[in-house]
């Protein structure tokens, strides 16, 4: 009996290892526009890479290492890049997206396009390849800047602690104005020189924000009038960071663009009407709230990422379909 149990355990471990080897990881390195966020007290800020797992099936694992406030320089200096290299296995992908904080003047973060910024991007590309990985350069996403003259932003992270009354008091026009300059050009140049995959995230998000226009584009961001959002009672005018809705809109577009650049990923691309995840990677963090926003007379797919969940009681003629991913189960 003990021998049979031992063999069964060994078989299970081998199967688990085999399954893990079959999963391709997409690492993401970058700044607050992509980063995982604090979910305490119902906070709504999300990075686009935080929710990227919603758009790939279980053959893909998104491992997001983007961190608030980091530049290409500080990400390396703090040892964060070394940790990614230690986890990387041949065939994994690394999405590289910096720029927002490389622009900042402080010496611990600042780099210059055409020199130190390009050097750091090239380092990420070169060392990813040395570890058998596949690098994908992205330039920085746009800020929602419809001001004729862009306001001076000393630090995007300060926007997180400001209220609506602290927002910029400037008249907005109809055209989105660039705030990144050569920092949006350098990743394309490095990709061309190094024959690296490139996704023009700046152009993609420009078209998204410009297409929505001055008012509707606010819905992508942490932009709320006082009393409009219970978790932000004093309101907020943050034109850099995304809310839940905005992060999903951007992640969906960037997932499509990534699949266009890497066609092999298309077979793993998935789409659900609603994603539920207790870690904040979905549209909702609990199933009850998600179901409150469902029209049961319409065909609706709800994917659940990870965890053990109470199986909900649905109306008799409900057309809701559940898809369990990332090890999710019903009790």
C-alpha atoms as a PDB file:
ATOM      1  CA  UNK A   1       0.000   0.000   0.000  1.00  0.00           C
ATOM      2  CA  UNK A   2       2.778   2.457   0.970  1.00  0.00           C
ATOM      3  CA  UNK A   3       4.583   1.695  -2.276  1.00  0.00           C
ATOM      4  CA  UNK A   4       1.428   2.424  -4.292  1.00  0.00           C
ATOM      5  CA  UNK A   5       0.884   5.703  -2.441  1.00  0.00           C
ATOM      6  CA  UNK A   6       4.513   6.674  -3.047  1.00  0.00           C
ATOM      7  CA  UNK A   7       4.244   5.920  -6.771  1.00  0.00           C
ATOM      8  CA  UNK A   8       0.991   7.848  -6.983  1.00  0.00           C
ATOM      9  CA  UNK A   9       2.607  10.855  -5.289  1.00  0.00           C
ATOM     10  CA  UNK A  10       5.617  10.733  -7.622  1.00  0.00           C
ATOM     11  CA  UNK A  11       3.317  10.475 -10.640  1.00  0.00           C
ATOM     12  CA  UNK A  12       1.323  13.485  -9.430  1.00  0.00           C
ATOM     13  CA  UNK A  13       4.476  15.541  -8.954  1.00  0.00           C
ATOM     14  CA  UNK A  14       5.758  14.584 -12.398  1.00  0.00           C
ATOM     15  CA  UNK A  15       2.405  15.469 -13.948  1.00  0.00           C
ATOM     16  CA  UNK A  16       2.412  18.810 -12.123  1.00  0.00           C
ATOM     17  CA  UNK A  17       5.940  19.591 -13.310  1.00  0.00           C
ATOM     18  CA  UNK A  18       5.018  18.580 -16.860  1.00  0.00           C
ATOM     19  CA  UNK A  19       1.951  20.833 -16.778  1.00  0.00           C
ATOM     20  CA  UNK A  20       3.993  23.786 -15.489  1.00  0.00           C
ATOM     21  CA  UNK A  21       6.566  23.267 -18.234  1.00  0.00           C
ATOM     22  CA  UNK A  22       3.766  23.475 -20.799  1.00  0.00           C
ATOM     23  CA  UNK A  23       2.614  26.869 -19.536  1.00  0.00           C
ATOM     24  CA  UNK A  24       4.189  29.882 -21.219  1.00  0.00           C
ATOM     25  CA  UNK A  25       4.776  32.906 -19.009  1.00  0.00           C
ATOM     26  CA  UNK A  26       4.355  36.469 -20.190  1.00  0.00           C
ATOM     27  CA  UNK A  27       6.406  38.648 -17.848  1.00  0.00           C
ATOM     28  CA  UNK A  28       5.634  42.363 -17.784  1.00  0.00           C
ATOM     29  CA  UNK A  29       8.115  44.955 -16.574  1.00  0.00           C
ATOM     30  CA  UNK A  30       7.179  48.610 -16.381  1.00  0.00           C
ATOM     31  CA  UNK A  31       5.619  51.360 -14.292  1.00  0.00           C
ATOM     32  CA  UNK A  32       2.339  52.281 -12.580  1.00  0.00           C
ATOM     33  CA  UNK A  33       0.302  52.281 -15.789  1.00  0.00           C
ATOM     34  CA  UNK A  34       0.821  48.500 -15.917  1.00  0.00           C
ATOM     35  CA  UNK A  35       1.392  47.624 -12.241  1.00  0.00           C
ATOM     36  CA  UNK A  36      -0.620  45.544  -9.767  1.00  0.00           C
ATOM     37  CA  UNK A  37      -2.498  47.816  -7.374  1.00  0.00           C
ATOM     38  CA  UNK A  38      -3.573  48.073  -3.754  1.00  0.00           C
ATOM     39  CA  UNK A  39      -7.117  46.662  -3.437  1.00  0.00           C
ATOM     40  CA  UNK A  40      -7.787  47.704   0.151  1.00  0.00           C
ATOM     41  CA  UNK A  41     -10.981  49.656   0.939  1.00  0.00           C
ATOM     42  CA  UNK A  42     -12.389  48.872  -2.503  1.00  0.00           C
ATOM     43  CA  UNK A  43      -9.841  50.959  -4.403  1.00  0.00           C
ATOM     44  CA  UNK A  44     -10.520  51.015  -8.144  1.00  0.00           C
ATOM     45  CA  UNK A  45      -7.110  51.814  -9.645  1.00  0.00           C
ATOM     46  CA  UNK A  46      -5.739  49.065 -11.908  1.00  0.00           C
ATOM     47  CA  UNK A  47      -2.734  48.681 -14.185  1.00  0.00           C
ATOM     48  CA  UNK A  48      -3.416  47.276 -17.646  1.00  0.00           C
ATOM     49  CA  UNK A  49      -1.016  44.332 -17.067  1.00  0.00           C
ATOM     50  CA  UNK A  50      -2.762  43.576 -13.770  1.00  0.00           C
ATOM     51  CA  UNK A  51      -5.853  42.532 -15.756  1.00  0.00           C
ATOM     52  CA  UNK A  52      -4.063  41.036 -18.783  1.00  0.00           C
ATOM     53  CA  UNK A  53      -4.638  37.468 -17.546  1.00  0.00           C
ATOM     54  CA  UNK A  54      -8.343  37.963 -18.328  1.00  0.00           C
ATOM     55  CA  UNK A  55      -7.501  37.818 -22.034  1.00  0.00           C
ATOM     56  CA  UNK A  56      -5.471  34.585 -22.156  1.00  0.00           C
ATOM     57  CA  UNK A  57      -6.392  31.023 -21.260  1.00  0.00           C
ATOM     58  CA  UNK A  58      -4.595  28.695 -18.858  1.00  0.00           C
ATOM     59  CA  UNK A  59      -1.807  27.973 -21.339  1.00  0.00           C
ATOM     60  CA  UNK A  60      -0.532  31.478 -20.579  1.00  0.00           C
ATOM     61  CA  UNK A  61       0.510  32.787 -17.180  1.00  0.00           C
ATOM     62  CA  UNK A  62       0.850  36.567 -16.867  1.00  0.00           C
ATOM     63  CA  UNK A  63       3.512  37.390 -14.269  1.00  0.00           C
ATOM     64  CA  UNK A  64       3.338  41.133 -13.748  1.00  0.00           C
ATOM     65  CA  UNK A  65       6.468  42.741 -12.276  1.00  0.00           C
ATOM     66  CA  UNK A  66       5.591  46.341 -13.193  1.00  0.00           C
ATOM     67  CA  UNK A  67       5.777  48.629 -10.149  1.00  0.00           C
ATOM     68  CA  UNK A  68       4.469  52.101  -9.382  1.00  0.00           C
ATOM     69  CA  UNK A  69       7.001  54.873  -9.909  1.00  0.00           C
ATOM     70  CA  UNK A  70       9.750  52.833 -11.558  1.00  0.00           C
ATOM     71  CA  UNK A  71      11.839  53.818 -14.535  1.00  0.00           C
ATOM     72  CA  UNK A  72      14.044  51.559 -16.627  1.00  0.00           C
ATOM     73  CA  UNK A  73      16.944  52.696 -14.416  1.00  0.00           C
ATOM     74  CA  UNK A  74      15.380  52.194 -10.970  1.00  0.00           C
ATOM     75  CA  UNK A  75      13.881  48.860 -12.042  1.00  0.00           C
ATOM     76  CA  UNK A  76      17.409  47.598 -12.719  1.00  0.00           C
ATOM     77  CA  UNK A  77      19.075  49.327  -9.764  1.00  0.00           C
ATOM     78  CA  UNK A  78      16.589  47.857  -7.263  1.00  0.00           C
ATOM     79  CA  UNK A  79      17.322  44.305  -8.436  1.00  0.00           C
ATOM     80  CA  UNK A  80      13.850  43.815  -9.885  1.00  0.00           C
ATOM     81  CA  UNK A  81      15.157  42.832 -13.308  1.00  0.00           C
ATOM     82  CA  UNK A  82      17.420  40.169 -11.792  1.00  0.00           C
ATOM     83  CA  UNK A  83      14.364  38.555 -10.160  1.00  0.00           C
ATOM     84  CA  UNK A  84      12.629  38.309 -13.531  1.00  0.00           C
ATOM     85  CA  UNK A  85      15.695  36.719 -15.110  1.00  0.00           C
ATOM     86  CA  UNK A  86      15.833  34.143 -12.306  1.00  0.00           C
ATOM     87  CA  UNK A  87      12.248  33.055 -13.029  1.00  0.00           C
ATOM     88  CA  UNK A  88      12.453  33.086 -16.819  1.00  0.00           C
ATOM     89  CA  UNK A  89      12.530  29.867 -18.806  1.00  0.00           C
ATOM     90  CA  UNK A  90      13.157  29.364 -22.548  1.00  0.00           C
ATOM     91  CA  UNK A  91      10.139  30.315 -24.628  1.00  0.00           C
ATOM     92  CA  UNK A  92       8.742  32.824 -22.140  1.00  0.00           C
ATOM     93  CA  UNK A  93       7.921  36.365 -23.232  1.00  0.00           C
ATOM     94  CA  UNK A  94       8.924  39.656 -21.612  1.00  0.00           C
ATOM     95  CA  UNK A  95       6.913  42.794 -22.316  1.00  0.00           C
ATOM     96  CA  UNK A  96       9.127  45.830 -21.682  1.00  0.00           C
ATOM     97  CA  UNK A  97       7.362  49.172 -21.193  1.00  0.00           C
ATOM     98  CA  UNK A  98       8.954  52.216 -19.601  1.00  0.00           C
ATOM     99  CA  UNK A  99       9.018  55.978 -20.185  1.00  0.00           C
ATOM    100  CA  UNK A 100       6.650  57.716 -17.761  1.00  0.00           C
ATOM    101  CA  UNK A 101       9.252  57.864 -14.994  1.00  0.00           C
ATOM    102  CA  UNK A 102      12.394  57.927 -17.125  1.00  0.00           C
ATOM    103  CA  UNK A 103      11.196  61.445 -17.992  1.00  0.00           C
ATOM    104  CA  UNK A 104      11.377  62.562 -14.353  1.00  0.00           C
ATOM    105  CA  UNK A 105      14.353  64.803 -13.388  1.00  0.00           C
ATOM    106  CA  UNK A 106      15.471  63.012 -10.205  1.00  0.00           C
ATOM    107  CA  UNK A 107      18.771  61.192 -10.686  1.00  0.00           C
ATOM    108  CA  UNK A 108      17.530  57.904  -9.229  1.00  0.00           C
ATOM    109  CA  UNK A 109      15.059  57.518 -12.116  1.00  0.00           C
ATOM    110  CA  UNK A 110      16.043  59.795 -14.977  1.00  0.00           C
ATOM    111  CA  UNK A 111      17.365  58.492 -18.296  1.00  0.00           C
ATOM    112  CA  UNK A 112      17.769  60.174 -21.677  1.00  0.00           C
ATOM    113  CA  UNK A 113      16.285  58.882 -24.945  1.00  0.00           C
ATOM    114  CA  UNK A 114      19.006  58.214 -27.474  1.00  0.00           C
ATOM    115  CA  UNK A 115      21.478  57.251 -24.740  1.00  0.00           C
ATOM    116  CA  UNK A 116      20.780  55.839 -21.254  1.00  0.00           C
ATOM    117  CA  UNK A 117      17.111  55.037 -21.922  1.00  0.00           C
ATOM    118  CA  UNK A 118      18.007  53.165 -25.100  1.00  0.00           C
ATOM    119  CA  UNK A 119      20.862  51.406 -23.318  1.00  0.00           C
ATOM    120  CA  UNK A 120      18.546  50.061 -20.602  1.00  0.00           C
ATOM    121  CA  UNK A 121      15.955  48.909 -23.132  1.00  0.00           C
ATOM    122  CA  UNK A 122      18.693  47.145 -25.115  1.00  0.00           C
ATOM    123  CA  UNK A 123      19.895  45.484 -21.909  1.00  0.00           C
ATOM    124  CA  UNK A 124      16.410  44.076 -21.264  1.00  0.00           C
ATOM    125  CA  UNK A 125      16.215  42.769 -24.832  1.00  0.00           C
ATOM    126  CA  UNK A 126      19.718  41.286 -24.855  1.00  0.00           C
ATOM    127  CA  UNK A 127      19.485  39.564 -21.477  1.00  0.00           C
ATOM    128  CA  UNK A 128      15.994  38.196 -22.199  1.00  0.00           C
ATOM    129  CA  UNK A 129      17.404  36.522 -25.297  1.00  0.00           C
ATOM    130  CA  UNK A 130      20.430  35.225 -23.383  1.00  0.00           C
ATOM    131  CA  UNK A 131      17.991  33.411 -21.064  1.00  0.00           C
ATOM    132  CA  UNK A 132      16.033  31.931 -23.968  1.00  0.00           C
ATOM    133  CA  UNK A 133      13.137  34.373 -23.641  1.00  0.00           C
ATOM    134  CA  UNK A 134      11.407  36.442 -26.294  1.00  0.00           C
ATOM    135  CA  UNK A 135      11.435  40.227 -25.693  1.00  0.00           C
ATOM    136  CA  UNK A 136       8.582  42.502 -26.778  1.00  0.00           C
ATOM    137  CA  UNK A 137       9.207  46.238 -26.577  1.00  0.00           C
ATOM    138  CA  UNK A 138       6.250  48.554 -25.990  1.00  0.00           C
ATOM    139  CA  UNK A 139       6.394  52.305 -25.770  1.00  0.00           C
ATOM    140  CA  UNK A 140       4.572  54.146 -22.988  1.00  0.00           C
ATOM    141  CA  UNK A 141       0.807  54.561 -22.987  1.00  0.00           C
ATOM    142  CA  UNK A 142      -0.470  58.118 -23.359  1.00  0.00           C
ATOM    143  CA  UNK A 143      -1.586  60.427 -20.619  1.00  0.00           C
ATOM    144  CA  UNK A 144      -5.078  61.816 -21.049  1.00  0.00           C
ATOM    145  CA  UNK A 145      -3.873  65.292 -21.966  1.00  0.00           C
ATOM    146  CA  UNK A 146      -6.302  67.441 -23.935  1.00  0.00           C
ATOM    147  CA  UNK A 147      -4.686  70.642 -22.650  1.00  0.00           C
ATOM    148  CA  UNK A 148      -3.219  72.896 -25.321  1.00  0.00           C
ATOM    149  CA  UNK A 149      -0.111  73.130 -23.169  1.00  0.00           C
ATOM    150  CA  UNK A 150       0.655  70.042 -21.075  1.00  0.00           C
ATOM    151  CA  UNK A 151       0.821  70.781 -17.328  1.00  0.00           C
ATOM    152  CA  UNK A 152       4.111  70.173 -15.565  1.00  0.00           C
ATOM    153  CA  UNK A 153       3.922  66.827 -13.743  1.00  0.00           C
ATOM    154  CA  UNK A 154       6.727  66.417 -11.253  1.00  0.00           C
ATOM    155  CA  UNK A 155       5.619  62.929 -10.292  1.00  0.00           C
ATOM    156  CA  UNK A 156       2.607  60.944 -11.551  1.00  0.00           C
ATOM    157  CA  UNK A 157       2.522  59.134  -8.216  1.00  0.00           C
ATOM    158  CA  UNK A 158       1.399  62.346  -6.522  1.00  0.00           C
ATOM    159  CA  UNK A 159      -1.858  62.155  -8.487  1.00  0.00           C
ATOM    160  CA  UNK A 160      -2.869  59.218  -6.314  1.00  0.00           C
ATOM    161  CA  UNK A 161      -3.133  61.351  -3.164  1.00  0.00           C
ATOM    162  CA  UNK A 162      -4.802  64.369  -4.753  1.00  0.00           C
ATOM    163  CA  UNK A 163      -8.525  65.126  -4.700  1.00  0.00           C
ATOM    164  CA  UNK A 164     -10.716  66.717  -7.351  1.00  0.00           C
ATOM    165  CA  UNK A 165     -10.032  70.264  -6.117  1.00  0.00           C
ATOM    166  CA  UNK A 166      -6.279  69.664  -6.513  1.00  0.00           C
ATOM    167  CA  UNK A 167      -6.687  68.947 -10.229  1.00  0.00           C
ATOM    168  CA  UNK A 168      -5.284  71.135 -12.979  1.00  0.00           C
ATOM    169  CA  UNK A 169      -7.479  74.190 -13.682  1.00  0.00           C
ATOM    170  CA  UNK A 170      -6.894  74.485 -17.418  1.00  0.00           C
ATOM    171  CA  UNK A 171      -9.253  74.552 -20.391  1.00  0.00           C
ATOM    172  CA  UNK A 172      -9.232  71.409 -22.512  1.00  0.00           C
ATOM    173  CA  UNK A 173      -9.420  71.266 -26.281  1.00  0.00           C
ATOM    174  CA  UNK A 174     -10.529  68.529 -28.668  1.00  0.00           C
ATOM    175  CA  UNK A 175      -7.124  67.058 -29.542  1.00  0.00           C
ATOM    176  CA  UNK A 176      -4.989  64.769 -27.401  1.00  0.00           C
ATOM    177  CA  UNK A 177      -1.532  66.286 -26.961  1.00  0.00           C
ATOM    178  CA  UNK A 178       1.585  64.132 -26.507  1.00  0.00           C
ATOM    179  CA  UNK A 179       3.505  64.419 -23.230  1.00  0.00           C
ATOM    180  CA  UNK A 180       6.264  61.843 -23.861  1.00  0.00           C
ATOM    181  CA  UNK A 181       8.285  63.248 -26.746  1.00  0.00           C
ATOM    182  CA  UNK A 182      11.282  61.092 -27.663  1.00  0.00           C
ATOM    183  CA  UNK A 183      10.525  58.617 -24.871  1.00  0.00           C
ATOM    184  CA  UNK A 184       7.774  57.198 -27.058  1.00  0.00           C
ATOM    185  CA  UNK A 185      10.115  57.026 -30.071  1.00  0.00           C
ATOM    186  CA  UNK A 186      13.135  55.349 -28.444  1.00  0.00           C
ATOM    187  CA  UNK A 187      11.542  51.884 -27.923  1.00  0.00           C
ATOM    188  CA  UNK A 188      10.665  51.697 -31.617  1.00  0.00           C
ATOM    189  CA  UNK A 189      14.232  52.688 -32.544  1.00  0.00           C
ATOM    190  CA  UNK A 190      15.737  50.073 -30.230  1.00  0.00           C
ATOM    191  CA  UNK A 191      13.344  47.412 -31.564  1.00  0.00           C
ATOM    192  CA  UNK A 192      14.373  48.229 -35.128  1.00  0.00           C
ATOM    193  CA  UNK A 193      18.102  48.139 -34.354  1.00  0.00           C
ATOM    194  CA  UNK A 194      17.834  44.861 -32.446  1.00  0.00           C
ATOM    195  CA  UNK A 195      15.218  43.190 -34.672  1.00  0.00           C
ATOM    196  CA  UNK A 196      12.900  42.940 -31.666  1.00  0.00           C
ATOM    197  CA  UNK A 197       9.122  42.617 -31.587  1.00  0.00           C
ATOM    198  CA  UNK A 198       7.446  45.981 -31.016  1.00  0.00           C
ATOM    199  CA  UNK A 199       3.932  47.046 -30.038  1.00  0.00           C
ATOM    200  CA  UNK A 200       3.049  50.713 -30.459  1.00  0.00           C
ATOM    201  CA  UNK A 201       1.116  51.059 -27.204  1.00  0.00           C
ATOM    202  CA  UNK A 202       1.386  54.837 -27.435  1.00  0.00           C
ATOM    203  CA  UNK A 203      -0.443  54.970 -30.770  1.00  0.00           C
ATOM    204  CA  UNK A 204      -2.994  52.376 -29.664  1.00  0.00           C
ATOM    205  CA  UNK A 205      -3.904  54.280 -26.511  1.00  0.00           C
ATOM    206  CA  UNK A 206      -3.791  57.601 -28.356  1.00  0.00           C
ATOM    207  CA  UNK A 207      -6.408  56.324 -30.791  1.00  0.00           C
ATOM    208  CA  UNK A 208      -8.499  54.971 -27.917  1.00  0.00           C
ATOM    209  CA  UNK A 209      -8.493  58.224 -25.938  1.00  0.00           C
ATOM    210  CA  UNK A 210      -8.872  60.481 -28.971  1.00  0.00           C
ATOM    211  CA  UNK A 211     -11.677  58.307 -30.305  1.00  0.00           C
ATOM    212  CA  UNK A 212     -13.586  58.629 -27.040  1.00  0.00           C
ATOM    213  CA  UNK A 213     -13.008  62.364 -26.889  1.00  0.00           C
ATOM    214  CA  UNK A 214     -12.495  64.846 -24.086  1.00  0.00           C
ATOM    215  CA  UNK A 215     -15.356  63.741 -21.823  1.00  0.00           C
ATOM    216  CA  UNK A 216     -15.774  60.011 -22.481  1.00  0.00           C
ATOM    217  CA  UNK A 217     -12.028  59.371 -22.128  1.00  0.00           C
ATOM    218  CA  UNK A 218     -12.278  60.350 -18.458  1.00  0.00           C
ATOM    219  CA  UNK A 219     -14.072  57.024 -17.892  1.00  0.00           C
ATOM    220  CA  UNK A 220     -10.767  55.235 -18.588  1.00  0.00           C
ATOM    221  CA  UNK A 221      -9.017  56.942 -15.697  1.00  0.00           C
ATOM    222  CA  UNK A 222      -9.238  57.626 -11.983  1.00  0.00           C
ATOM    223  CA  UNK A 223     -11.301  60.691 -12.800  1.00  0.00           C
ATOM    224  CA  UNK A 224     -14.310  61.273 -10.534  1.00  0.00           C
ATOM    225  CA  UNK A 225     -16.252  64.328  -9.423  1.00  0.00           C
ATOM    226  CA  UNK A 226     -16.899  64.695  -5.680  1.00  0.00           C
ATOM    227  CA  UNK A 227     -19.637  62.297  -4.570  1.00  0.00           C
ATOM    228  CA  UNK A 228     -19.582  60.392  -7.858  1.00  0.00           C
ATOM    229  CA  UNK A 229     -17.641  57.337  -6.628  1.00  0.00           C
ATOM    230  CA  UNK A 230     -18.027  56.054  -3.023  1.00  0.00           C
ATOM    231  CA  UNK A 231     -14.379  54.971  -2.793  1.00  0.00           C
ATOM    232  CA  UNK A 232     -13.250  58.475  -3.832  1.00  0.00           C
ATOM    233  CA  UNK A 233     -15.720  60.739  -1.956  1.00  0.00           C
ATOM    234  CA  UNK A 234     -13.669  63.905  -2.603  1.00  0.00           C
ATOM    235  CA  UNK A 235     -13.237  63.045  -6.267  1.00  0.00           C
ATOM    236  CA  UNK A 236     -10.055  62.829  -8.306  1.00  0.00           C
ATOM    237  CA  UNK A 237      -8.559  64.157 -11.546  1.00  0.00           C
ATOM    238  CA  UNK A 238      -5.929  61.571 -12.429  1.00  0.00           C
ATOM    239  CA  UNK A 239      -5.276  61.561 -16.163  1.00  0.00           C
ATOM    240  CA  UNK A 240      -2.454  59.006 -15.975  1.00  0.00           C
ATOM    241  CA  UNK A 241      -3.726  55.961 -14.073  1.00  0.00           C
ATOM    242  CA  UNK A 242      -6.536  53.638 -15.105  1.00  0.00           C
ATOM    243  CA  UNK A 243      -9.696  52.588 -13.312  1.00  0.00           C
ATOM    244  CA  UNK A 244     -11.079  49.030 -13.678  1.00  0.00           C
ATOM    245  CA  UNK A 245     -12.899  49.860 -16.911  1.00  0.00           C
ATOM    246  CA  UNK A 246      -9.930  51.675 -18.435  1.00  0.00           C
ATOM    247  CA  UNK A 247      -7.404  48.978 -17.568  1.00  0.00           C
ATOM    248  CA  UNK A 248      -9.557  46.357 -19.286  1.00  0.00           C
ATOM    249  CA  UNK A 249     -10.057  48.481 -22.384  1.00  0.00           C
ATOM    250  CA  UNK A 250      -6.309  48.990 -22.724  1.00  0.00           C
ATOM    251  CA  UNK A 251      -5.397  45.373 -21.849  1.00  0.00           C
ATOM    252  CA  UNK A 252      -7.821  44.053 -24.463  1.00  0.00           C
ATOM    253  CA  UNK A 253      -6.310  46.232 -27.179  1.00  0.00           C
ATOM    254  CA  UNK A 254      -2.728  45.418 -26.181  1.00  0.00           C
ATOM    255  CA  UNK A 255      -3.525  41.680 -26.028  1.00  0.00           C
ATOM    256  CA  UNK A 256      -4.807  41.888 -29.607  1.00  0.00           C
ATOM    257  CA  UNK A 257      -1.737  43.840 -30.714  1.00  0.00           C
ATOM    258  CA  UNK A 258       0.549  41.329 -29.020  1.00  0.00           C
ATOM    259  CA  UNK A 259      -1.194  38.464 -30.804  1.00  0.00           C
ATOM    260  CA  UNK A 260      -0.770  40.288 -34.118  1.00  0.00           C
ATOM    261  CA  UNK A 261       2.976  40.518 -33.477  1.00  0.00           C
ATOM    262  CA  UNK A 262       3.189  36.953 -32.118  1.00  0.00           C
ATOM    263  CA  UNK A 263       0.590  34.916 -34.066  1.00  0.00           C
ATOM    264  CA  UNK A 264       1.297  31.750 -32.047  1.00  0.00           C
ATOM    265  CA  UNK A 265      -0.367  33.455 -29.057  1.00  0.00           C
ATOM    266  CA  UNK A 266      -3.680  33.867 -30.897  1.00  0.00           C
ATOM    267  CA  UNK A 267      -4.832  30.346 -30.060  1.00  0.00           C
ATOM    268  CA  UNK A 268      -4.541  31.216 -26.359  1.00  0.00           C
ATOM    269  CA  UNK A 269      -6.383  34.527 -26.650  1.00  0.00           C
ATOM    270  CA  UNK A 270      -9.720  34.361 -24.853  1.00  0.00           C
ATOM    271  CA  UNK A 271     -12.631  36.693 -24.322  1.00  0.00           C
ATOM    272  CA  UNK A 272     -15.443  36.608 -21.784  1.00  0.00           C
ATOM    273  CA  UNK A 273     -18.272  39.032 -21.185  1.00  0.00           C
ATOM    274  CA  UNK A 274     -17.292  39.318 -17.521  1.00  0.00           C
ATOM    275  CA  UNK A 275     -14.270  38.207 -15.517  1.00  0.00           C
ATOM    276  CA  UNK A 276     -14.463  37.640 -11.762  1.00  0.00           C
ATOM    277  CA  UNK A 277     -11.302  37.437  -9.675  1.00  0.00           C
ATOM    278  CA  UNK A 278     -10.716  38.009  -5.960  1.00  0.00           C
ATOM    279  CA  UNK A 279      -7.236  39.386  -6.749  1.00  0.00           C
ATOM    280  CA  UNK A 280      -8.610  42.277  -8.786  1.00  0.00           C
ATOM    281  CA  UNK A 281      -7.657  40.968 -12.221  1.00  0.00           C
ATOM    282  CA  UNK A 282     -11.261  40.922 -13.437  1.00  0.00           C
ATOM    283  CA  UNK A 283     -14.193  43.273 -13.863  1.00  0.00           C
ATOM    284  CA  UNK A 284     -15.524  42.258 -10.448  1.00  0.00           C
ATOM    285  CA  UNK A 285     -13.978  40.772  -7.325  1.00  0.00           C
ATOM    286  CA  UNK A 286     -16.987  38.721  -6.241  1.00  0.00           C
ATOM    287  CA  UNK A 287     -19.507  36.628  -8.147  1.00  0.00           C
ATOM    288  CA  UNK A 288     -22.573  38.072  -6.425  1.00  0.00           C
ATOM    289  CA  UNK A 289     -21.813  41.598  -7.640  1.00  0.00           C
ATOM    290  CA  UNK A 290     -21.041  40.355 -11.146  1.00  0.00           C
ATOM    291  CA  UNK A 291     -24.399  38.560 -11.367  1.00  0.00           C
ATOM    292  CA  UNK A 292     -26.200  41.725 -10.267  1.00  0.00           C
ATOM    293  CA  UNK A 293     -24.998  43.315 -13.517  1.00  0.00           C
ATOM    294  CA  UNK A 294     -26.090  40.450 -15.780  1.00  0.00           C
ATOM    295  CA  UNK A 295     -29.137  40.266 -18.031  1.00  0.00           C
ATOM    296  CA  UNK A 296     -30.018  36.583 -17.613  1.00  0.00           C
ATOM    297  CA  UNK A 297     -32.075  36.571 -20.817  1.00  0.00           C
ATOM    298  CA  UNK A 298     -28.919  37.140 -22.872  1.00  0.00           C
ATOM    299  CA  UNK A 299     -26.090  34.689 -23.511  1.00  0.00           C
ATOM    300  CA  UNK A 300     -23.343  35.737 -21.077  1.00  0.00           C
ATOM    301  CA  UNK A 301     -19.986  34.120 -20.379  1.00  0.00           C
ATOM    302  CA  UNK A 302     -18.471  34.711 -16.953  1.00  0.00           C
ATOM    303  CA  UNK A 303     -14.934  33.476 -16.452  1.00  0.00           C
ATOM    304  CA  UNK A 304     -13.653  32.997 -12.923  1.00  0.00           C
ATOM    305  CA  UNK A 305      -9.933  33.169 -12.181  1.00  0.00           C
ATOM    306  CA  UNK A 306      -8.733  31.031  -9.289  1.00  0.00           C
ATOM    307  CA  UNK A 307     -10.180  30.298  -5.849  1.00  0.00           C
ATOM    308  CA  UNK A 308     -13.067  28.276  -4.460  1.00  0.00           C
ATOM    309  CA  UNK A 309     -16.519  29.768  -4.969  1.00  0.00           C
ATOM    310  CA  UNK A 310     -20.077  29.120  -3.828  1.00  0.00           C
ATOM    311  CA  UNK A 311     -22.074  27.877  -6.801  1.00  0.00           C
ATOM    312  CA  UNK A 312     -24.732  30.553  -7.407  1.00  0.00           C
ATOM    313  CA  UNK A 313     -28.428  29.818  -7.800  1.00  0.00           C
ATOM    314  CA  UNK A 314     -29.414  31.150 -11.224  1.00  0.00           C
ATOM    315  CA  UNK A 315     -32.893  31.944 -12.520  1.00  0.00           C
ATOM    316  CA  UNK A 316     -34.506  28.985 -14.286  1.00  0.00           C
ATOM    317  CA  UNK A 317     -34.029  30.364 -17.799  1.00  0.00           C
ATOM    318  CA  UNK A 318     -30.701  32.056 -17.189  1.00  0.00           C
ATOM    319  CA  UNK A 319     -28.324  31.959 -20.162  1.00  0.00           C
ATOM    320  CA  UNK A 320     -25.223  32.573 -18.047  1.00  0.00           C
ATOM    321  CA  UNK A 321     -22.307  30.232 -18.704  1.00  0.00           C
ATOM    322  CA  UNK A 322     -19.367  29.891 -16.314  1.00  0.00           C
ATOM    323  CA  UNK A 323     -15.794  29.174 -17.389  1.00  0.00           C
ATOM    324  CA  UNK A 324     -13.396  28.219 -14.587  1.00  0.00           C
ATOM    325  CA  UNK A 325      -9.737  29.124 -15.079  1.00  0.00           C
ATOM    326  CA  UNK A 326      -6.544  29.424 -13.033  1.00  0.00           C
ATOM    327  CA  UNK A 327      -7.629  26.508 -10.835  1.00  0.00           C
ATOM    328  CA  UNK A 328     -11.031  27.982  -9.941  1.00  0.00           C
ATOM    329  CA  UNK A 329     -13.593  25.532  -8.514  1.00  0.00           C
ATOM    330  CA  UNK A 330     -17.163  25.563  -7.208  1.00  0.00           C
ATOM    331  CA  UNK A 331     -17.807  24.151  -3.733  1.00  0.00           C
END
